[in-house]
C-alpha cells in the first residue's frame, strides 16, 4: 500500500527556501538540524540533506526535480521522493515555500 497520499504535492513553480538560524551538525550516521536555541533536532539522511541544501530560494520545485533526476537518471520515482522530502522539511519548519 502506498503512503504517498499522506504527503503534500507542491506546485512545480513553488520555491522552497531554507528557514533562517538552522544549525547543522554532521554525525557518523546522518545530519542533525535544529533552529538555533531549540532543543528539538531533526535527523536527515544524505538524500534529504542534499534536497535541503538546494532549498536556497533560487530553484523551483520543478527545477530541483529536474536537476536531481539528471544527476541520478537511474533512480525511479524520484519526483515523488523529492516531493515527500520537501513536505517533511516543511512540516519540521526547516523550509518555507514561496509562490
Protein backbone atom coordinates (compact mmCIF):
# COMPACT_ATOMS: atom_id res chain seq x y z
CA UNK A 1 0.00 0.00 0.00
CA UNK A 2 1.39 3.39 -0.98
CA UNK A 3 1.50 6.13 1.63
CA UNK A 4 2.10 8.84 -0.97
CA UNK A 5 -1.37 10.29 -0.33
CA UNK A 6 -0.21 11.35 3.14
CA UNK A 7 2.22 13.89 1.74
CA UNK A 8 1.50 17.21 0.12
CA UNK A 9 2.41 17.68 -3.53
CA UNK A 10 3.80 21.13 -4.28
CA UNK A 11 3.30 23.12 -7.47
CA UNK A 12 6.34 22.78 -9.70
CA UNK A 13 6.73 26.58 -9.72
CA UNK A 14 6.81 26.86 -5.90
CA UNK A 15 10.18 27.88 -4.48
CA UNK A 16 11.47 26.16 -1.33
CA UNK A 17 13.54 28.39 0.96
CA UNK A 18 15.63 27.33 3.96
CA UNK A 19 14.46 28.82 7.25
CA UNK A 20 16.94 31.10 8.97
CA UNK A 21 19.03 30.21 12.01
CA UNK A 22 19.24 26.48 11.32
CA UNK A 23 22.16 24.76 13.00
CA UNK A 24 23.61 21.83 11.05
CA UNK A 25 25.69 19.08 12.60
CA UNK A 26 27.12 16.03 10.83
CA UNK A 27 27.36 12.83 12.87
CA UNK A 28 28.55 9.46 11.55
CA UNK A 29 25.10 8.18 10.56
CA UNK A 30 23.30 11.32 9.44
CA UNK A 31 22.77 15.07 9.76
CA UNK A 32 21.09 16.81 12.69
CA UNK A 33 19.34 20.12 12.07
CA UNK A 34 17.62 22.39 14.54
CA UNK A 35 16.61 26.00 14.88
CA UNK A 36 19.11 27.95 16.95
CA UNK A 37 18.10 27.79 20.60
CA UNK A 38 15.57 25.00 20.04
CA UNK A 39 16.26 21.62 21.64
CA UNK A 40 14.24 19.69 19.02
CA UNK A 41 16.54 18.11 16.45
CA UNK A 42 15.57 16.73 13.05
CA UNK A 43 17.60 13.85 11.66
CA UNK A 44 18.19 13.83 7.88
CA UNK A 45 19.83 11.21 5.71
CA UNK A 46 22.24 12.28 2.96
CA UNK A 47 19.49 12.45 0.31
CA UNK A 48 17.22 14.67 2.39
CA UNK A 49 20.18 16.83 3.33
CA UNK A 50 21.05 17.30 -0.35
CA UNK A 51 17.49 18.43 -1.03
CA UNK A 52 17.53 20.82 1.97
CA UNK A 53 20.83 22.31 0.77
CA UNK A 54 19.25 23.05 -2.63
CA UNK A 55 16.43 25.00 -0.98
CA UNK A 56 18.28 28.29 -1.37
CA UNK A 57 15.33 30.22 -2.77
CA UNK A 58 16.89 30.12 -6.25
CA UNK A 59 15.25 26.98 -7.64
CA UNK A 60 11.63 25.95 -8.04
CA UNK A 61 10.38 22.51 -7.05
CA UNK A 62 10.35 21.56 -10.75
CA UNK A 63 13.94 22.71 -11.20
CA UNK A 64 15.04 20.70 -8.14
CA UNK A 65 13.35 17.60 -9.50
CA UNK A 66 14.87 18.08 -12.98
CA UNK A 67 18.37 18.68 -11.59
CA UNK A 68 18.31 15.66 -9.30
CA UNK A 69 16.80 13.41 -11.99
CA UNK A 70 19.56 14.49 -14.38
CA UNK A 71 22.18 13.71 -11.73
CA UNK A 72 20.63 10.30 -10.89
CA UNK A 73 18.97 9.12 -14.12
CA UNK A 74 18.56 5.51 -12.96
CA UNK A 75 16.54 6.44 -9.85
CA UNK A 76 12.86 5.70 -10.47
CA UNK A 77 10.06 7.66 -8.80
CA UNK A 78 12.44 10.36 -7.66
CA UNK A 79 9.89 13.14 -8.18
CA UNK A 80 7.61 11.61 -5.53
CA UNK A 81 10.56 11.13 -3.15
CA UNK A 82 11.58 14.77 -3.57
CA UNK A 83 8.01 15.97 -3.02
CA UNK A 84 7.81 13.81 0.14
CA UNK A 85 11.15 15.15 1.42
CA UNK A 86 10.03 18.75 0.81
CA UNK A 87 6.78 18.09 2.66
CA UNK A 88 8.69 16.67 5.62
CA UNK A 89 11.16 19.58 5.61
CA UNK A 90 8.22 22.00 5.58
CA UNK A 91 6.42 20.18 8.39
CA UNK A 92 9.61 20.30 10.50
CA UNK A 93 9.91 24.07 9.88
CA UNK A 94 13.25 23.69 8.08
CA UNK A 95 11.93 25.35 4.90
CA UNK A 96 9.14 27.63 3.75
CA UNK A 97 7.50 27.74 0.31
CA UNK A 98 7.18 30.85 -1.85
CA UNK A 99 4.77 31.06 -4.79
